[in-house]
């Protein structure tokens, strides 16, 4: 119900709705919008398959983040 109401609010501008979702994901991390978008897409994405027992399973999500190692907090 909340999902439908949310997207009905942003039916004319879905990118604005997406931006609100991305901003609410890990709000203590400022900036890094593209990184947060990639993580969200990796979490909700994935290919569904059926295993040997007949159970539907979502595929593994993989994400490789490459950046400047100087920006890591433990290098200071």
C-alpha atoms as a PDB file:
ATOM      1  CA  UNK A   1       0.000   0.000   0.000  1.00  0.00           C
ATOM      2  CA  UNK A   2       2.779   2.431   0.915  1.00  0.00           C
ATOM      3  CA  UNK A   3       4.713   1.449  -2.215  1.00  0.00           C
ATOM      4  CA  UNK A   4       1.787   2.241  -4.506  1.00  0.00           C
ATOM      5  CA  UNK A   5       0.997   5.501  -2.712  1.00  0.00           C
ATOM      6  CA  UNK A   6       4.634   6.590  -2.902  1.00  0.00           C
ATOM      7  CA  UNK A   7       4.913   6.014  -6.636  1.00  0.00           C
ATOM      8  CA  UNK A   8       1.487   7.557  -7.308  1.00  0.00           C
ATOM      9  CA  UNK A   9       2.847  10.717  -5.702  1.00  0.00           C
ATOM     10  CA  UNK A  10       5.807  10.725  -8.100  1.00  0.00           C
ATOM     11  CA  UNK A  11       4.126   9.326 -11.218  1.00  0.00           C
ATOM     12  CA  UNK A  12       4.883  12.502 -13.189  1.00  0.00           C
ATOM     13  CA  UNK A  13       8.508  12.662 -12.027  1.00  0.00           C
ATOM     14  CA  UNK A  14       9.791   9.165 -11.101  1.00  0.00           C
ATOM     15  CA  UNK A  15      13.421  10.314 -10.920  1.00  0.00           C
ATOM     16  CA  UNK A  16      12.509  12.608  -8.032  1.00  0.00           C
ATOM     17  CA  UNK A  17      10.997   9.621  -6.225  1.00  0.00           C
ATOM     18  CA  UNK A  18      14.134   7.610  -6.918  1.00  0.00           C
ATOM     19  CA  UNK A  19      16.266  10.424  -5.518  1.00  0.00           C
ATOM     20  CA  UNK A  20      14.250  10.404  -2.285  1.00  0.00           C
ATOM     21  CA  UNK A  21      14.786   6.662  -1.916  1.00  0.00           C
ATOM     22  CA  UNK A  22      18.524   7.012  -2.572  1.00  0.00           C
ATOM     23  CA  UNK A  23      18.809   9.913  -0.099  1.00  0.00           C
ATOM     24  CA  UNK A  24      17.100   7.836   2.594  1.00  0.00           C
ATOM     25  CA  UNK A  25      19.480   4.906   2.029  1.00  0.00           C
ATOM     26  CA  UNK A  26      22.324   5.206   4.553  1.00  0.00           C
ATOM     27  CA  UNK A  27      21.599   8.890   5.313  1.00  0.00           C
ATOM     28  CA  UNK A  28      24.699   9.314   7.504  1.00  0.00           C
ATOM     29  CA  UNK A  29      26.857   9.059   4.362  1.00  0.00           C
ATOM     30  CA  UNK A  30      26.775  12.448   2.661  1.00  0.00           C
ATOM     31  CA  UNK A  31      27.397  12.697  -1.044  1.00  0.00           C
ATOM     32  CA  UNK A  32      28.445   9.532  -2.854  1.00  0.00           C
ATOM     33  CA  UNK A  33      25.102   9.544  -4.661  1.00  0.00           C
ATOM     34  CA  UNK A  34      26.284   7.281  -7.481  1.00  0.00           C
ATOM     35  CA  UNK A  35      27.748   4.762  -5.031  1.00  0.00           C
ATOM     36  CA  UNK A  36      24.504   4.652  -3.064  1.00  0.00           C
ATOM     37  CA  UNK A  37      22.538   4.241  -6.294  1.00  0.00           C
ATOM     38  CA  UNK A  38      24.767   1.329  -7.354  1.00  0.00           C
ATOM     39  CA  UNK A  39      24.381  -0.402  -3.997  1.00  0.00           C
ATOM     40  CA  UNK A  40      20.593  -0.029  -4.087  1.00  0.00           C
ATOM     41  CA  UNK A  41      20.440  -1.409  -7.616  1.00  0.00           C
ATOM     42  CA  UNK A  42      22.659  -4.349  -6.657  1.00  0.00           C
ATOM     43  CA  UNK A  43      20.450  -5.118  -3.648  1.00  0.00           C
ATOM     44  CA  UNK A  44      17.168  -5.130  -5.555  1.00  0.00           C
ATOM     45  CA  UNK A  45      18.584  -6.658  -8.726  1.00  0.00           C
ATOM     46  CA  UNK A  46      19.669 -10.186  -9.353  1.00  0.00           C
ATOM     47  CA  UNK A  47      18.411 -13.027 -11.466  1.00  0.00           C
ATOM     48  CA  UNK A  48      15.891 -15.390  -9.954  1.00  0.00           C
ATOM     49  CA  UNK A  49      16.384 -19.118 -10.498  1.00  0.00           C
ATOM     50  CA  UNK A  50      14.927 -22.394  -9.237  1.00  0.00           C
ATOM     51  CA  UNK A  51      17.264 -24.717  -7.336  1.00  0.00           C
ATOM     52  CA  UNK A  52      17.198 -28.539  -7.281  1.00  0.00           C
ATOM     53  CA  UNK A  53      14.499 -28.684  -4.590  1.00  0.00           C
ATOM     54  CA  UNK A  54      12.176 -26.418  -6.575  1.00  0.00           C
ATOM     55  CA  UNK A  55      12.711 -23.378  -4.351  1.00  0.00           C
ATOM     56  CA  UNK A  56      12.891 -20.008  -6.055  1.00  0.00           C
ATOM     57  CA  UNK A  57      16.171 -18.312  -5.156  1.00  0.00           C
ATOM     58  CA  UNK A  58      17.392 -14.831  -5.992  1.00  0.00           C
ATOM     59  CA  UNK A  59      20.831 -14.779  -7.541  1.00  0.00           C
ATOM     60  CA  UNK A  60      23.892 -13.414  -5.816  1.00  0.00           C
ATOM     61  CA  UNK A  61      24.566  -9.718  -6.121  1.00  0.00           C
ATOM     62  CA  UNK A  62      28.106  -8.599  -6.825  1.00  0.00           C
ATOM     63  CA  UNK A  63      29.479  -5.093  -6.693  1.00  0.00           C
ATOM     64  CA  UNK A  64      33.021  -3.871  -7.188  1.00  0.00           C
ATOM     65  CA  UNK A  65      33.783  -0.361  -5.957  1.00  0.00           C
ATOM     66  CA  UNK A  66      37.054   1.087  -7.165  1.00  0.00           C
ATOM     67  CA  UNK A  67      38.380   4.321  -5.792  1.00  0.00           C
ATOM     68  CA  UNK A  68      41.388   6.198  -4.589  1.00  0.00           C
ATOM     69  CA  UNK A  69      42.940   4.269  -1.652  1.00  0.00           C
ATOM     70  CA  UNK A  70      43.980   7.553  -0.052  1.00  0.00           C
ATOM     71  CA  UNK A  71      40.319   8.262   0.639  1.00  0.00           C
ATOM     72  CA  UNK A  72      39.993   5.226   2.929  1.00  0.00           C
ATOM     73  CA  UNK A  73      39.487   6.261   6.567  1.00  0.00           C
ATOM     74  CA  UNK A  74      42.008   3.799   8.041  1.00  0.00           C
ATOM     75  CA  UNK A  75      44.926   5.130   5.976  1.00  0.00           C
ATOM     76  CA  UNK A  76      45.230   8.282   8.070  1.00  0.00           C
END
